Every structure is written in C-alpha cells, then in structure tokens.
Amino acid sequence: MEMLRRLQAERPLVFWLVLLVGFWVAFRLLIFVAELILGPFGLPGWAPLALVLVGLVVVARRQDSR
C-alpha cells in the first residue's frame, strides 16, 4: 500500500494508468465469470453485464448504509 501512495505522489500519471487498467481487468474478469455461470441458461448476451452491474449496485448500497 505504501508503494501505491508513493507512486501516486511521485508519478501520478502512471498511478492513474495502473488504476484504470486494474479496474478494466477486474471488470472483464467479472464479466467472464458471469458468462460462465449464466451460459448454460441460454439468456441474452447482455445478461452477464446486467448481473455484474446489479451486483456492483448492491455492494455500493451496502457500503453506503454502513
């Protein structure tokens, strides 16, 4: 964690680029897992995206209520 704080202070552009790529990879991984789970049910192609977005909203609402 200290390394990320130091990177943010010394090289903010690299820090934000690493953060953006990390979020993108994590989102793609969540979509892949949702596709694996929902694949056998024959749902439309947007169903995994909807499942991931609903899950993120639920997590955000639970964080907000604490």
C-alpha atoms as a PDB file:
ATOM      1  CA  MET A   1       0.000   0.000   0.000  1.00  0.00           C
ATOM      2  CA  GLU A   2       2.882   2.321   0.776  1.00  0.00           C
ATOM      3  CA  MET A   3       4.253   1.716  -2.724  1.00  0.00           C
ATOM      4  CA  LEU A   4       0.960   2.871  -4.283  1.00  0.00           C
ATOM      5  CA  ARG A   5       0.897   6.032  -2.177  1.00  0.00           C
ATOM      6  CA  ARG A   6       4.477   6.812  -3.137  1.00  0.00           C
ATOM      7  CA  LEU A   7       3.688   6.135  -6.799  1.00  0.00           C
ATOM      8  CA  GLN A   8       0.672   8.454  -6.584  1.00  0.00           C
ATOM      9  CA  ALA A   9       2.805  11.228  -5.157  1.00  0.00           C
ATOM     10  CA  GLU A  10       5.836  10.809  -7.421  1.00  0.00           C
ATOM     11  CA  ARG A  11       4.242   9.741 -10.720  1.00  0.00           C
ATOM     12  CA  PRO A  12       0.507  10.472 -10.715  1.00  0.00           C
ATOM     13  CA  LEU A  13       0.023   9.695 -14.416  1.00  0.00           C
ATOM     14  CA  VAL A  14       1.464   6.190 -14.025  1.00  0.00           C
ATOM     15  CA  PHE A  15      -0.612   5.667 -10.877  1.00  0.00           C
ATOM     16  CA  TRP A  16      -3.888   6.560 -12.630  1.00  0.00           C
ATOM     17  CA  LEU A  17      -2.966   4.444 -15.637  1.00  0.00           C
ATOM     18  CA  VAL A  18      -2.277   1.425 -13.411  1.00  0.00           C
ATOM     19  CA  LEU A  19      -5.524   2.031 -11.540  1.00  0.00           C
ATOM     20  CA  LEU A  20      -7.526   2.290 -14.778  1.00  0.00           C
ATOM     21  CA  VAL A  21      -6.020  -0.897 -16.204  1.00  0.00           C
ATOM     22  CA  GLY A  22      -6.645  -2.697 -12.905  1.00  0.00           C
ATOM     23  CA  PHE A  23     -10.323  -1.727 -12.867  1.00  0.00           C
ATOM     24  CA  TRP A  24     -10.708  -2.723 -16.532  1.00  0.00           C
ATOM     25  CA  VAL A  25      -9.132  -6.155 -15.965  1.00  0.00           C
ATOM     26  CA  ALA A  26     -11.228  -6.761 -12.853  1.00  0.00           C
ATOM     27  CA  PHE A  27     -14.434  -5.785 -14.690  1.00  0.00           C
ATOM     28  CA  ARG A  28     -13.577  -8.077 -17.633  1.00  0.00           C
ATOM     29  CA  LEU A  29     -12.883 -10.922 -15.193  1.00  0.00           C
ATOM     30  CA  LEU A  30     -16.260 -10.388 -13.512  1.00  0.00           C
ATOM     31  CA  ILE A  31     -17.984 -10.436 -16.907  1.00  0.00           C
ATOM     32  CA  PHE A  32     -16.167 -13.662 -17.828  1.00  0.00           C
ATOM     33  CA  VAL A  33     -17.224 -15.372 -14.600  1.00  0.00           C
ATOM     34  CA  ALA A  34     -20.821 -14.195 -15.057  1.00  0.00           C
ATOM     35  CA  GLU A  35     -20.801 -15.582 -18.615  1.00  0.00           C
ATOM     36  CA  LEU A  36     -19.577 -18.930 -17.312  1.00  0.00           C
ATOM     37  CA  ILE A  37     -22.338 -19.042 -14.709  1.00  0.00           C
ATOM     38  CA  LEU A  38     -25.175 -17.819 -16.962  1.00  0.00           C
ATOM     39  CA  GLY A  39     -24.049 -19.526 -20.188  1.00  0.00           C
ATOM     40  CA  PRO A  40     -25.964 -22.798 -19.824  1.00  0.00           C
ATOM     41  CA  PHE A  41     -29.286 -20.980 -19.270  1.00  0.00           C
ATOM     42  CA  GLY A  42     -29.476 -19.555 -22.805  1.00  0.00           C
ATOM     43  CA  LEU A  43     -30.009 -15.971 -21.668  1.00  0.00           C
ATOM     44  CA  PRO A  44     -29.366 -12.991 -23.968  1.00  0.00           C
ATOM     45  CA  GLY A  45     -25.836 -11.625 -24.360  1.00  0.00           C
ATOM     46  CA  TRP A  46     -26.446  -8.608 -22.123  1.00  0.00           C
ATOM     47  CA  ALA A  47     -27.454 -10.756 -19.111  1.00  0.00           C
ATOM     48  CA  PRO A  48     -23.902 -11.170 -17.708  1.00  0.00           C
ATOM     49  CA  LEU A  49     -23.345  -7.409 -17.896  1.00  0.00           C
ATOM     50  CA  ALA A  50     -26.652  -6.778 -16.139  1.00  0.00           C
ATOM     51  CA  LEU A  51     -25.766  -9.316 -13.435  1.00  0.00           C
ATOM     52  CA  VAL A  52     -22.386  -7.680 -12.795  1.00  0.00           C
ATOM     53  CA  LEU A  53     -23.871  -4.161 -12.717  1.00  0.00           C
ATOM     54  CA  VAL A  54     -26.655  -5.234 -10.334  1.00  0.00           C
ATOM     55  CA  GLY A  55     -24.047  -6.873  -8.104  1.00  0.00           C
ATOM     56  CA  LEU A  56     -21.945  -3.692  -8.065  1.00  0.00           C
ATOM     57  CA  VAL A  57     -25.015  -1.597  -7.193  1.00  0.00           C
ATOM     58  CA  VAL A  58     -25.894  -3.943  -4.320  1.00  0.00           C
ATOM     59  CA  VAL A  59     -22.347  -3.756  -2.957  1.00  0.00           C
ATOM     60  CA  ALA A  60     -22.337   0.052  -3.259  1.00  0.00           C
ATOM     61  CA  ARG A  61     -25.678   0.356  -1.461  1.00  0.00           C
ATOM     62  CA  ARG A  62     -24.470  -1.898   1.362  1.00  0.00           C
ATOM     63  CA  GLN A  63     -21.311   0.202   1.702  1.00  0.00           C
ATOM     64  CA  ASP A  64     -23.375   3.380   1.775  1.00  0.00           C
ATOM     65  CA  SER A  65     -25.648   2.148   4.573  1.00  0.00           C
ATOM     66  CA  ARG A  66     -22.755   1.423   6.959  1.00  0.00           C
END
